[in-house]
Amino acid sequence: MHSILAVDDSASMRQMVSFTLKSAGYNVVEAVDGQDAWEKVGGRSFDLVLTDQNMPRMDGISLTKKLRESSQFKATPILILTTESSDQMKQAGRAAGATGWLVKPFDPAKLLEVIKKVIR
């Protein structure tokens, strides 16, 4: 079973994402922001990281950069799921090492389709 780290400061968004992923058979670990996600990673590995961009303590792009610096996350797909849709933000995400950029509100079927494409 694939494990996904879902990071979002909105409880309702985490619930929706978590519900969508769990019903598709994924194991989900939730984090409330980038700092919480970083602490939960510890020595664990995940098959995918799905993170929001705008969060307190550590945003999605900073989390992506930090994960990419760690050898265990060099090749892990990282998707940023956010309300941000500007090209400037998307470029910053790509520069940080994000695999993809999805804009909220998300379509559960489309989210699962993207995840299936990027998880090995």
PDB file of N, CA and C in Angstrom:
ATOM      1  N   MET A   1       0.842  -1.197   0.000  1.00  0.00           N
ATOM      2  CA  MET A   1       0.000   0.000   0.000  1.00  0.00           C
ATOM      3  C   MET A   1       0.882   1.253   0.000  1.00  0.00           C
ATOM      4  N   HIS A   2       0.584   2.163  -0.899  1.00  0.00           N
ATOM      5  CA  HIS A   2       1.361   3.403  -0.990  1.00  0.00           C
ATOM      6  C   HIS A   2       1.018   4.352   0.152  1.00  0.00           C
ATOM      7  N   SER A   3       2.042   5.039   0.661  1.00  0.00           N
ATOM      8  CA  SER A   3       1.838   6.020   1.732  1.00  0.00           C
ATOM      9  C   SER A   3       1.969   7.429   1.190  1.00  0.00           C
ATOM     10  N   ILE A   4       1.024   8.276   1.577  1.00  0.00           N
ATOM     11  CA  ILE A   4       1.027   9.664   1.126  1.00  0.00           C
ATOM     12  C   ILE A   4       1.022  10.583   2.337  1.00  0.00           C
ATOM     13  N   LEU A   5       1.879  11.593   2.302  1.00  0.00           N
ATOM     14  CA  LEU A   5       1.911  12.612   3.349  1.00  0.00           C
ATOM     15  C   LEU A   5       1.079  13.782   2.827  1.00  0.00           C
ATOM     16  N   ALA A   6      -0.031  14.082   3.498  1.00  0.00           N
ATOM     17  CA  ALA A   6      -0.929  15.165   3.085  1.00  0.00           C
ATOM     18  C   ALA A   6      -0.774  16.342   4.050  1.00  0.00           C
ATOM     19  N   VAL A   7      -0.343  17.477   3.523  1.00  0.00           N
ATOM     20  CA  VAL A   7      -0.041  18.641   4.348  1.00  0.00           C
ATOM     21  C   VAL A   7      -0.941  19.824   3.992  1.00  0.00           C
ATOM     22  N   ASP A   8      -1.725  20.276   4.967  1.00  0.00           N
ATOM     23  CA  ASP A   8      -2.597  21.440   4.738  1.00  0.00           C
ATOM     24  C   ASP A   8      -3.002  22.011   6.086  1.00  0.00           C
ATOM     25  N   ASP A   9      -2.988  23.351   6.201  1.00  0.00           N
ATOM     26  CA  ASP A   9      -3.371  23.953   7.486  1.00  0.00           C
ATOM     27  C   ASP A   9      -4.886  24.004   7.663  1.00  0.00           C
ATOM     28  N   SER A  10      -5.649  23.706   6.618  1.00  0.00           N
ATOM     29  CA  SER A  10      -7.107  23.698   6.730  1.00  0.00           C
ATOM     30  C   SER A  10      -7.589  22.284   7.075  1.00  0.00           C
ATOM     31  N   ALA A  11      -8.243  22.148   8.237  1.00  0.00           N
ATOM     32  CA  ALA A  11      -8.723  20.841   8.688  1.00  0.00           C
ATOM     33  C   ALA A  11      -9.712  20.241   7.691  1.00  0.00           C
ATOM     34  N   SER A  12     -10.612  21.067   7.139  1.00  0.00           N
ATOM     35  CA  SER A  12     -11.608  20.535   6.208  1.00  0.00           C
ATOM     36  C   SER A  12     -10.944  20.061   4.912  1.00  0.00           C
ATOM     37  N   MET A  13      -9.914  20.780   4.463  1.00  0.00           N
ATOM     38  CA  MET A  13      -9.197  20.368   3.248  1.00  0.00           C
ATOM     39  C   MET A  13      -8.445  19.055   3.506  1.00  0.00           C
ATOM     40  N   ARG A  14      -7.803  18.947   4.677  1.00  0.00           N
ATOM     41  CA  ARG A  14      -7.095  17.696   5.018  1.00  0.00           C
ATOM     42  C   ARG A  14      -8.077  16.527   5.030  1.00  0.00           C
ATOM     43  N   GLN A  15      -9.276  16.761   5.598  1.00  0.00           N
ATOM     44  CA  GLN A  15     -10.283  15.692   5.659  1.00  0.00           C
ATOM     45  C   GLN A  15     -10.709  15.257   4.261  1.00  0.00           C
ATOM     46  N   MET A  16     -10.953  16.234   3.383  1.00  0.00           N
ATOM     47  CA  MET A  16     -11.378  15.907   2.020  1.00  0.00           C
ATOM     48  C   MET A  16     -10.302  15.137   1.266  1.00  0.00           C
ATOM     49  N   VAL A  17      -9.060  15.616   1.368  1.00  0.00           N
ATOM     50  CA  VAL A  17      -7.942  14.969   0.689  1.00  0.00           C
ATOM     51  C   VAL A  17      -7.756  13.557   1.254  1.00  0.00           C
ATOM     52  N   SER A  18      -7.747  13.469   2.564  1.00  0.00           N
ATOM     53  CA  SER A  18      -7.553  12.197   3.250  1.00  0.00           C
ATOM     54  C   SER A  18      -8.641  11.191   2.867  1.00  0.00           C
ATOM     55  N   PHE A  19      -9.889  11.636   2.866  1.00  0.00           N
ATOM     56  CA  PHE A  19     -11.010  10.776   2.510  1.00  0.00           C
ATOM     57  C   PHE A  19     -10.859  10.266   1.076  1.00  0.00           C
ATOM     58  N   THR A  20     -10.517  11.193   0.159  1.00  0.00           N
ATOM     59  CA  THR A  20     -10.350  10.830  -1.255  1.00  0.00           C
ATOM     60  C   THR A  20      -9.253   9.778  -1.418  1.00  0.00           C
ATOM     61  N   LEU A  21      -8.124  10.006  -0.752  1.00  0.00           N
ATOM     62  CA  LEU A  21      -6.983   9.092  -0.882  1.00  0.00           C
ATOM     63  C   LEU A  21      -7.235   7.744  -0.207  1.00  0.00           C
ATOM     64  N   LYS A  22      -7.818   7.785   0.997  1.00  0.00           N
ATOM     65  CA  LYS A  22      -8.074   6.529   1.712  1.00  0.00           C
ATOM     66  C   LYS A  22      -9.086   5.678   0.959  1.00  0.00           C
ATOM     67  N   SER A  23     -10.117   6.306   0.369  1.00  0.00           N
ATOM     68  CA  SER A  23     -11.104   5.503  -0.358  1.00  0.00           C
ATOM     69  C   SER A  23     -10.501   4.893  -1.622  1.00  0.00           C
ATOM     70  N   ALA A  24      -9.356   5.434  -2.068  1.00  0.00           N
ATOM     71  CA  ALA A  24      -8.693   4.862  -3.243  1.00  0.00           C
ATOM     72  C   ALA A  24      -7.626   3.843  -2.806  1.00  0.00           C
ATOM     73  N   GLY A  25      -7.556   3.584  -1.485  1.00  0.00           N
ATOM     74  CA  GLY A  25      -6.638   2.564  -1.004  1.00  0.00           C
ATOM     75  C   GLY A  25      -5.254   3.031  -0.571  1.00  0.00           C
ATOM     76  N   TYR A  26      -5.074   4.347  -0.429  1.00  0.00           N
ATOM     77  CA  TYR A  26      -3.773   4.846   0.018  1.00  0.00           C
ATOM     78  C   TYR A  26      -3.730   4.969   1.538  1.00  0.00           C
ATOM     79  N   ASN A  27      -2.529   4.839   2.082  1.00  0.00           N
ATOM     80  CA  ASN A  27      -2.303   5.046   3.503  1.00  0.00           C
ATOM     81  C   ASN A  27      -1.957   6.536   3.629  1.00  0.00           C
ATOM     82  N   VAL A  28      -2.640   7.285   4.488  1.00  0.00           N
ATOM     83  CA  VAL A  28      -2.435   8.731   4.565  1.00  0.00           C
ATOM     84  C   VAL A  28      -1.946   9.177   5.942  1.00  0.00           C
ATOM     85  N   VAL A  29      -0.903  10.008   5.947  1.00  0.00           N
ATOM     86  CA  VAL A  29      -0.420  10.624   7.176  1.00  0.00           C
ATOM     87  C   VAL A  29      -0.674  12.117   6.977  1.00  0.00           C
ATOM     88  N   GLU A  30      -1.359  12.755   7.924  1.00  0.00           N
ATOM     89  CA  GLU A  30      -1.689  14.172   7.795  1.00  0.00           C
ATOM     90  C   GLU A  30      -0.749  15.046   8.616  1.00  0.00           C
ATOM     91  N   ALA A  31      -0.472  16.238   8.088  1.00  0.00           N
ATOM     92  CA  ALA A  31       0.338  17.224   8.809  1.00  0.00           C
ATOM     93  C   ALA A  31      -0.352  18.573   8.654  1.00  0.00           C
ATOM     94  N   VAL A  32      -0.253  19.425   9.716  1.00  0.00           N
ATOM     95  CA  VAL A  32      -0.963  20.707   9.716  1.00  0.00           C
ATOM     96  C   VAL A  32      -0.215  21.846   9.033  1.00  0.00           C
ATOM     97  N   ASP A  33       1.095  21.697   8.819  1.00  0.00           N
ATOM     98  CA  ASP A  33       1.866  22.699   8.073  1.00  0.00           C
ATOM     99  C   ASP A  33       3.221  22.085   7.723  1.00  0.00           C
ATOM    100  N   GLY A  34       4.058  22.841   7.035  1.00  0.00           N
ATOM    101  CA  GLY A  34       5.347  22.318   6.596  1.00  0.00           C
ATOM    102  C   GLY A  34       6.238  21.850   7.734  1.00  0.00           C
ATOM    103  N   GLN A  35       6.226  22.596   8.826  1.00  0.00           N
ATOM    104  CA  GLN A  35       7.054  22.242   9.981  1.00  0.00           C
ATOM    105  C   GLN A  35       6.595  20.907  10.571  1.00  0.00           C
ATOM    106  N   ASP A  36       5.288  20.751  10.724  1.00  0.00           N
ATOM    107  CA  ASP A  36       4.711  19.511  11.245  1.00  0.00           C
ATOM    108  C   ASP A  36       5.056  18.346  10.311  1.00  0.00           C
ATOM    109  N   ALA A  37       4.953  18.587   9.006  1.00  0.00           N
ATOM    110  CA  ALA A  37       5.267  17.553   8.005  1.00  0.00           C
ATOM    111  C   ALA A  37       6.729  17.130   8.141  1.00  0.00           C
ATOM    112  N   TRP A  38       7.608  18.121   8.257  1.00  0.00           N
ATOM    113  CA  TRP A  38       9.038  17.843   8.366  1.00  0.00           C
ATOM    114  C   TRP A  38       9.324  16.995   9.606  1.00  0.00           C
ATOM    115  N   GLU A  39       8.647  17.322  10.718  1.00  0.00           N
ATOM    116  CA  GLU A  39       8.829  16.556  11.959  1.00  0.00           C
ATOM    117  C   GLU A  39       8.282  15.132  11.816  1.00  0.00           C
ATOM    118  N   LYS A  40       7.175  14.972  11.081  1.00  0.00           N
ATOM    119  CA  LYS A  40       6.568  13.645  10.905  1.00  0.00           C
ATOM    120  C   LYS A  40       7.366  12.759   9.964  1.00  0.00           C
ATOM    121  N   VAL A  41       8.125  13.360   9.063  1.00  0.00           N
ATOM    122  CA  VAL A  41       8.913  12.594   8.115  1.00  0.00           C
ATOM    123  C   VAL A  41       9.942  11.751   8.862  1.00  0.00           C
ATOM    124  N   GLY A  42      10.681  12.382   9.787  1.00  0.00           N
ATOM    125  CA  GLY A  42      11.683  11.646  10.552  1.00  0.00           C
ATOM    126  C   GLY A  42      12.480  10.750   9.634  1.00  0.00           C
ATOM    127  N   GLY A  43      12.502   9.460   9.905  1.00  0.00           N
ATOM    128  CA  GLY A  43      13.223   8.535   9.027  1.00  0.00           C
ATOM    129  C   GLY A  43      12.290   7.777   8.107  1.00  0.00           C
ATOM    130  N   ARG A  44      11.024   8.186   8.081  1.00  0.00           N
ATOM    131  CA  ARG A  44      10.040   7.482   7.253  1.00  0.00           C
ATOM    132  C   ARG A  44      10.113   7.910   5.811  1.00  0.00           C
ATOM    133  N   SER A  45       9.686   7.022   4.942  1.00  0.00           N
ATOM    134  CA  SER A  45       9.628   7.431   3.544  1.00  0.00           C
ATOM    135  C   SER A  45       8.167   7.367   3.097  1.00  0.00           C
ATOM    136  N   PHE A  46       7.838   8.197   2.151  1.00  0.00           N
ATOM    137  CA  PHE A  46       6.483   8.252   1.607  1.00  0.00           C
ATOM    138  C   PHE A  46       6.580   8.072   0.100  1.00  0.00           C
ATOM    139  N   ASP A  47       5.502   7.581  -0.508  1.00  0.00           N
ATOM    140  CA  ASP A  47       5.503   7.399  -1.959  1.00  0.00           C
ATOM    141  C   ASP A  47       5.139   8.693  -2.673  1.00  0.00           C
ATOM    142  N   LEU A  48       4.536   9.631  -1.908  1.00  0.00           N
ATOM    143  CA  LEU A  48       4.140  10.904  -2.482  1.00  0.00           C
ATOM    144  C   LEU A  48       3.884  11.914  -1.365  1.00  0.00           C
ATOM    145  N   VAL A  49       4.180  13.181  -1.642  1.00  0.00           N
ATOM    146  CA  VAL A  49       3.872  14.253  -0.690  1.00  0.00           C
ATOM    147  C   VAL A  49       2.915  15.192  -1.417  1.00  0.00           C
ATOM    148  N   LEU A  50       1.800  15.486  -0.774  1.00  0.00           N
ATOM    149  CA  LEU A  50       0.796  16.392  -1.320  1.00  0.00           C
ATOM    150  C   LEU A  50       0.709  17.548  -0.337  1.00  0.00           C
ATOM    151  N   THR A  51       1.121  18.743  -0.759  1.00  0.00           N
ATOM    152  CA  THR A  51       1.165  19.854   0.187  1.00  0.00           C
ATOM    153  C   THR A  51       0.483  21.112  -0.321  1.00  0.00           C
ATOM    154  N   ASP A  52      -0.064  21.850   0.624  1.00  0.00           N
ATOM    155  CA  ASP A  52      -0.648  23.166   0.370  1.00  0.00           C
ATOM    156  C   ASP A  52       0.538  24.136   0.227  1.00  0.00           C
ATOM    157  N   GLN A  53       0.322  25.319  -0.315  1.00  0.00           N
ATOM    158  CA  GLN A  53       1.391  26.305  -0.407  1.00  0.00           C
ATOM    159  C   GLN A  53       1.364  27.265   0.774  1.00  0.00           C
ATOM    160  N   ASN A  54       0.246  27.975   0.988  1.00  0.00           N
ATOM    161  CA  ASN A  54       0.191  28.997   2.036  1.00  0.00           C
ATOM    162  C   ASN A  54      -0.164  28.401   3.390  1.00  0.00           C
ATOM    163  N   MET A  55       0.848  28.259   4.249  1.00  0.00           N
ATOM    164  CA  MET A  55       0.638  27.701   5.590  1.00  0.00           C
ATOM    165  C   MET A  55       1.525  28.431   6.585  1.00  0.00           C
ATOM    166  N   PRO A  56       1.122  28.443   7.872  1.00  0.00           N
ATOM    167  CA  PRO A  56       1.989  29.062   8.898  1.00  0.00           C
ATOM    168  C   PRO A  56       3.243  28.207   9.116  1.00  0.00           C
ATOM    169  N   ARG A  57       4.225  28.767   9.768  1.00  0.00           N
ATOM    170  CA  ARG A  57       5.483  28.092  10.125  1.00  0.00           C
ATOM    171  C   ARG A  57       6.348  27.672   8.935  1.00  0.00           C
ATOM    172  N   MET A  58       5.820  26.911   7.972  1.00  0.00           N
ATOM    173  CA  MET A  58       6.610  26.579   6.783  1.00  0.00           C
ATOM    174  C   MET A  58       5.665  26.342   5.624  1.00  0.00           C
ATOM    175  N   ASP A  59       5.848  27.093   4.522  1.00  0.00           N
ATOM    176  CA  ASP A  59       4.943  26.946   3.380  1.00  0.00           C
ATOM    177  C   ASP A  59       5.346  25.758   2.503  1.00  0.00           C
ATOM    178  N   GLY A  60       4.526  25.488   1.496  1.00  0.00           N
ATOM    179  CA  GLY A  60       4.737  24.328   0.634  1.00  0.00           C
ATOM    180  C   GLY A  60       6.037  24.345  -0.148  1.00  0.00           C
ATOM    181  N   ILE A  61       6.409  25.511  -0.661  1.00  0.00           N
ATOM    182  CA  ILE A  61       7.647  25.606  -1.445  1.00  0.00           C
ATOM    183  C   ILE A  61       8.863  25.389  -0.548  1.00  0.00           C
ATOM    184  N   SER A  62       8.846  25.953   0.664  1.00  0.00           N
ATOM    185  CA  SER A  62       9.953  25.738   1.604  1.00  0.00           C
ATOM    186  C   SER A  62      10.043  24.263   1.999  1.00  0.00           C
ATOM    187  N   LEU A  63       8.890  23.634   2.216  1.00  0.00           N
ATOM    188  CA  LEU A  63       8.866  22.211   2.560  1.00  0.00           C
ATOM    189  C   LEU A  63       9.438  21.386   1.404  1.00  0.00           C
ATOM    190  N   THR A  64       9.040  21.724   0.181  1.00  0.00           N
ATOM    191  CA  THR A  64       9.528  21.012  -0.999  1.00  0.00           C
ATOM    192  C   THR A  64      11.053  21.094  -1.081  1.00  0.00           C
ATOM    193  N   LYS A  65      11.594  22.318  -0.903  1.00  0.00           N
ATOM    194  CA  LYS A  65      13.058  22.504  -0.949  1.00  0.00           C
ATOM    195  C   LYS A  65      13.736  21.644   0.110  1.00  0.00           C
ATOM    196  N   LYS A  66      13.187  21.673   1.330  1.00  0.00           N
ATOM    197  CA  LYS A  66      13.769  20.921   2.442  1.00  0.00           C
ATOM    198  C   LYS A  66      13.742  19.412   2.163  1.00  0.00           C
ATOM    199  N   LEU A  67      12.615  18.921   1.644  1.00  0.00           N
ATOM    200  CA  LEU A  67      12.505  17.498   1.329  1.00  0.00           C
ATOM    201  C   LEU A  67      13.489  17.106   0.227  1.00  0.00           C
ATOM    202  N   ARG A  68      13.629  17.957  -0.779  1.00  0.00           N
ATOM    203  CA  ARG A  68      14.532  17.660  -1.899  1.00  0.00           C
ATOM    204  C   ARG A  68      15.999  17.611  -1.459  1.00  0.00           C
ATOM    205  N   GLU A  69      16.332  18.311  -0.357  1.00  0.00           N
ATOM    206  CA  GLU A  69      17.711  18.285   0.151  1.00  0.00           C
ATOM    207  C   GLU A  69      18.010  16.955   0.830  1.00  0.00           C
ATOM    208  N   SER A  70      16.964  16.231   1.224  1.00  0.00           N
ATOM    209  CA  SER A  70      17.143  14.950   1.903  1.00  0.00           C
ATOM    210  C   SER A  70      17.202  13.828   0.863  1.00  0.00           C
ATOM    211  N   SER A  71      18.210  12.963   0.967  1.00  0.00           N
ATOM    212  CA  SER A  71      18.404  11.909  -0.037  1.00  0.00           C
ATOM    213  C   SER A  71      17.177  11.005  -0.184  1.00  0.00           C
ATOM    214  N   GLN A  72      16.433  10.775   0.909  1.00  0.00           N
ATOM    215  CA  GLN A  72      15.282   9.873   0.803  1.00  0.00           C
ATOM    216  C   GLN A  72      14.114  10.483   0.015  1.00  0.00           C
ATOM    217  N   PHE A  73      14.145  11.795  -0.225  1.00  0.00           N
ATOM    218  CA  PHE A  73      13.058  12.440  -0.976  1.00  0.00           C
ATOM    219  C   PHE A  73      13.502  12.997  -2.324  1.00  0.00           C
ATOM    220  N   LYS A  74      14.709  12.626  -2.767  1.00  0.00           N
ATOM    221  CA  LYS A  74      15.237  13.119  -4.047  1.00  0.00           C
ATOM    222  C   LYS A  74      14.286  12.775  -5.202  1.00  0.00           C
ATOM    223  N   ALA A  75      13.746  11.550  -5.180  1.00  0.00           N
ATOM    224  CA  ALA A  75      12.909  11.092  -6.301  1.00  0.00           C
ATOM    225  C   ALA A  75      11.432  10.961  -5.963  1.00  0.00           C
ATOM    226  N   THR A  76      11.046  11.351  -4.734  1.00  0.00           N
ATOM    227  CA  THR A  76       9.642  11.243  -4.324  1.00  0.00           C
ATOM    228  C   THR A  76       8.802  12.313  -5.022  1.00  0.00           C
ATOM    229  N   PRO A  77       7.674  11.920  -5.649  1.00  0.00           N
ATOM    230  CA  PRO A  77       6.823  12.946  -6.269  1.00  0.00           C
ATOM    231  C   PRO A  77       6.258  13.884  -5.194  1.00  0.00           C
ATOM    232  N   ILE A  78       6.319  15.188  -5.455  1.00  0.00           N
ATOM    233  CA  ILE A  78       5.755  16.187  -4.539  1.00  0.00           C
ATOM    234  C   ILE A  78       4.762  17.028  -5.346  1.00  0.00           C
ATOM    235  N   LEU A  79       3.504  16.984  -4.936  1.00  0.00           N
ATOM    236  CA  LEU A  79       2.467  17.764  -5.613  1.00  0.00           C
ATOM    237  C   LEU A  79       2.027  18.897  -4.703  1.00  0.00           C
ATOM    238  N   ILE A  80       1.930  20.101  -5.260  1.00  0.00           N
ATOM    239  CA  ILE A  80       1.456  21.244  -4.483  1.00  0.00           C
ATOM    240  C   ILE A  80      -0.001  21.483  -4.874  1.00  0.00           C
ATOM    241  N   LEU A  81      -0.881  21.399  -3.868  1.00  0.00           N
ATOM    242  CA  LEU A  81      -2.322  21.578  -4.062  1.00  0.00           C
ATOM    243  C   LEU A  81      -2.691  22.873  -3.355  1.00  0.00           C
ATOM    244  N   THR A  82      -3.021  23.907  -4.128  1.00  0.00           N
ATOM    245  CA  THR A  82      -3.177  25.240  -3.545  1.00  0.00           C
ATOM    246  C   THR A  82      -4.189  26.092  -4.288  1.00  0.00           C
ATOM    247  N   THR A  83      -4.562  27.212  -3.687  1.00  0.00           N
ATOM    248  CA  THR A  83      -5.442  28.167  -4.368  1.00  0.00           C
ATOM    249  C   THR A  83      -4.612  29.067  -5.279  1.00  0.00           C
ATOM    250  N   GLU A  84      -3.291  29.038  -5.103  1.00  0.00           N
ATOM    251  CA  GLU A  84      -2.396  29.877  -5.912  1.00  0.00           C
ATOM    252  C   GLU A  84      -2.351  29.356  -7.342  1.00  0.00           C
ATOM    253  N   SER A  85      -2.578  30.230  -8.318  1.00  0.00           N
ATOM    254  CA  SER A  85      -2.533  29.743  -9.691  1.00  0.00           C
ATOM    255  C   SER A  85      -1.647  30.598 -10.593  1.00  0.00           C
ATOM    256  N   SER A  86      -0.901  31.544 -10.006  1.00  0.00           N
ATOM    257  CA  SER A  86      -0.064  32.408 -10.840  1.00  0.00           C
ATOM    258  C   SER A  86       1.131  31.638 -11.385  1.00  0.00           C
ATOM    259  N   ASP A  87       1.566  32.006 -12.604  1.00  0.00           N
ATOM    260  CA  ASP A  87       2.707  31.345 -13.233  1.00  0.00           C
ATOM    261  C   ASP A  87       3.957  31.527 -12.389  1.00  0.00           C
ATOM    262  N   GLN A  88       4.047  32.684 -11.739  1.00  0.00           N
ATOM    263  CA  GLN A  88       5.205  32.996 -10.897  1.00  0.00           C
ATOM    264  C   GLN A  88       5.322  31.972  -9.757  1.00  0.00           C
ATOM    265  N   MET A  89       4.186  31.674  -9.117  1.00  0.00           N
ATOM    266  CA  MET A  89       4.174  30.695  -8.029  1.00  0.00           C
ATOM    267  C   MET A  89       4.497  29.307  -8.559  1.00  0.00           C
ATOM    268  N   LYS A  90       3.926  28.953  -9.727  1.00  0.00           N
ATOM    269  CA  LYS A  90       4.179  27.635 -10.310  1.00  0.00           C
ATOM    270  C   LYS A  90       5.660  27.475 -10.634  1.00  0.00           C
ATOM    271  N   GLN A  91       6.281  28.555 -11.148  1.00  0.00           N
ATOM    272  CA  GLN A  91       7.716  28.496 -11.464  1.00  0.00           C
ATOM    273  C   GLN A  91       8.531  28.323 -10.196  1.00  0.00           C
ATOM    274  N   ALA A  92       8.137  29.012  -9.126  1.00  0.00           N
ATOM    275  CA  ALA A  92       8.838  28.879  -7.843  1.00  0.00           C
ATOM    276  C   ALA A  92       8.706  27.440  -7.345  1.00  0.00           C
ATOM    277  N   GLY A  93       7.537  26.855  -7.543  1.00  0.00           N
ATOM    278  CA  GLY A  93       7.301  25.468  -7.148  1.00  0.00           C
ATOM    279  C   GLY A  93       8.189  24.514  -7.921  1.00  0.00           C
ATOM    280  N   ARG A  94       8.261  24.723  -9.235  1.00  0.00           N
ATOM    281  CA  ARG A  94       9.118  23.872 -10.080  1.00  0.00           C
ATOM    282  C   ARG A  94      10.575  24.026  -9.687  1.00  0.00           C
ATOM    283  N   ALA A  95      10.981  25.283  -9.458  1.00  0.00           N
ATOM    284  CA  ALA A  95      12.372  25.557  -9.073  1.00  0.00           C
ATOM    285  C   ALA A  95      12.721  24.863  -7.755  1.00  0.00           C
ATOM    286  N   ALA A  96      11.735  24.754  -6.862  1.00  0.00           N
ATOM    287  CA  ALA A  96      11.958  24.110  -5.560  1.00  0.00           C
ATOM    288  C   ALA A  96      12.014  22.586  -5.703  1.00  0.00           C
ATOM    289  N   GLY A  97      11.516  22.081  -6.837  1.00  0.00           N
ATOM    290  CA  GLY A  97      11.554  20.639  -7.068  1.00  0.00           C
ATOM    291  C   GLY A  97      10.198  19.953  -7.052  1.00  0.00           C
ATOM    292  N   ALA A  98       9.109  20.739  -7.096  1.00  0.00           N
ATOM    293  CA  ALA A  98       7.774  20.127  -7.103  1.00  0.00           C
ATOM    294  C   ALA A  98       7.550  19.383  -8.411  1.00  0.00           C
ATOM    295  N   THR A  99       6.882  18.240  -8.317  1.00  0.00           N
ATOM    296  CA  THR A  99       6.590  17.408  -9.483  1.00  0.00           C
ATOM    297  C   THR A  99       5.412  18.000 -10.258  1.00  0.00           C
ATOM    298  N   GLY A 100       4.433  18.552  -9.517  1.00  0.00           N
ATOM    299  CA  GLY A 100       3.244  19.086 -10.165  1.00  0.00           C
ATOM    300  C   GLY A 100       2.552  20.116  -9.297  1.00  0.00           C
ATOM    301  N   TRP A 101       1.595  20.828  -9.911  1.00  0.00           N
ATOM    302  CA  TRP A 101       0.887  21.925  -9.259  1.00  0.00           C
ATOM    303  C   TRP A 101      -0.588  21.748  -9.542  1.00  0.00           C
ATOM    304  N   LEU A 102      -1.400  21.592  -8.516  1.00  0.00           N
ATOM    305  CA  LEU A 102      -2.845  21.432  -8.689  1.00  0.00           C
ATOM    306  C   LEU A 102      -3.550  22.583  -7.992  1.00  0.00           C
ATOM    307  N   VAL A 103      -4.589  23.109  -8.627  1.00  0.00           N
ATOM    308  CA  VAL A 103      -5.289  24.256  -8.054  1.00  0.00           C
ATOM    309  C   VAL A 103      -6.583  23.824  -7.364  1.00  0.00           C
ATOM    310  N   LYS A 104      -6.803  24.355  -6.145  1.00  0.00           N
ATOM    311  CA  LYS A 104      -8.041  24.112  -5.389  1.00  0.00           C
ATOM    312  C   LYS A 104      -9.126  25.005  -5.952  1.00  0.00           C
ATOM    313  N   PRO A 105     -10.393  24.657  -5.842  1.00  0.00           N
ATOM    314  CA  PRO A 105     -10.871  23.384  -5.295  1.00  0.00           C
ATOM    315  C   PRO A 105     -10.508  22.232  -6.244  1.00  0.00           C
ATOM    316  N   PHE A 106     -10.204  21.063  -5.694  1.00  0.00           N
ATOM    317  CA  PHE A 106      -9.769  19.962  -6.537  1.00  0.00           C
ATOM    318  C   PHE A 106     -10.905  19.008  -6.857  1.00  0.00           C
ATOM    319  N   ASP A 107     -10.766  18.331  -7.985  1.00  0.00           N
ATOM    320  CA  ASP A 107     -11.720  17.315  -8.402  1.00  0.00           C
ATOM    321  C   ASP A 107     -11.108  15.986  -7.941  1.00  0.00           C
ATOM    322  N   PRO A 108     -11.771  15.269  -7.010  1.00  0.00           N
ATOM    323  CA  PRO A 108     -11.205  14.022  -6.480  1.00  0.00           C
ATOM    324  C   PRO A 108     -10.726  13.050  -7.562  1.00  0.00           C
ATOM    325  N   ALA A 109     -11.518  12.865  -8.621  1.00  0.00           N
ATOM    326  CA  ALA A 109     -11.135  11.924  -9.682  1.00  0.00           C
ATOM    327  C   ALA A 109      -9.852  12.377 -10.374  1.00  0.00           C
ATOM    328  N   LYS A 110      -9.744  13.689 -10.607  1.00  0.00           N
ATOM    329  CA  LYS A 110      -8.565  14.227 -11.280  1.00  0.00           C
ATOM    330  C   LYS A 110      -7.330  14.112 -10.373  1.00  0.00           C
ATOM    331  N   LEU A 111      -7.517  14.363  -9.086  1.00  0.00           N
ATOM    332  CA  LEU A 111      -6.421  14.250  -8.130  1.00  0.00           C
ATOM    333  C   LEU A 111      -5.874  12.819  -8.146  1.00  0.00           C
ATOM    334  N   LEU A 112      -6.771  11.831  -8.089  1.00  0.00           N
ATOM    335  CA  LEU A 112      -6.341  10.430  -8.081  1.00  0.00           C
ATOM    336  C   LEU A 112      -5.651  10.050  -9.385  1.00  0.00           C
ATOM    337  N   GLU A 113      -6.138  10.611 -10.483  1.00  0.00           N
ATOM    338  CA  GLU A 113      -5.546  10.348 -11.795  1.00  0.00           C
ATOM    339  C   GLU A 113      -4.092  10.846 -11.827  1.00  0.00           C
ATOM    340  N   VAL A 114      -3.875  12.064 -11.332  1.00  0.00           N
ATOM    341  CA  VAL A 114      -2.532  12.651 -11.298  1.00  0.00           C
ATOM    342  C   VAL A 114      -1.630  11.815 -10.392  1.00  0.00           C
ATOM    343  N   ILE A 115      -2.128  11.429  -9.229  1.00  0.00           N
ATOM    344  CA  ILE A 115      -1.331  10.632  -8.286  1.00  0.00           C
ATOM    345  C   ILE A 115      -0.931   9.294  -8.914  1.00  0.00           C
ATOM    346  N   LYS A 116      -1.867   8.641  -9.602  1.00  0.00           N
ATOM    347  CA  LYS A 116      -1.555   7.359 -10.253  1.00  0.00           C
ATOM    348  C   LYS A 116      -0.435   7.527 -11.270  1.00  0.00           C
ATOM    349  N   LYS A 117      -0.430   8.679 -11.952  1.00  0.00           N
ATOM    350  CA  LYS A 117       0.611   8.934 -12.971  1.00  0.00           C
ATOM    351  C   LYS A 117       1.984   9.117 -12.364  1.00  0.00           C
ATOM    352  N   VAL A 118       2.060   9.765 -11.193  1.00  0.00           N
ATOM    353  CA  VAL A 118       3.379  10.071 -10.631  1.00  0.00           C
ATOM    354  C   VAL A 118       3.932   9.069  -9.627  1.00  0.00           C
ATOM    355  N   ILE A 119       3.060   8.254  -9.019  1.00  0.00           N
ATOM    356  CA  ILE A 119       3.562   7.254  -8.050  1.00  0.00           C
ATOM    357  C   ILE A 119       4.133   6.078  -8.828  1.00  0.00           C
ATOM    358  N   ARG A 120       5.314   5.654  -8.413  1.00  0.00           N
ATOM    359  CA  ARG A 120       5.942   4.507  -9.097  1.00  0.00           C
ATOM    360  C   ARG A 120       5.563   3.225  -8.398  1.00  0.00           C
TER     361      ARG A 120
END
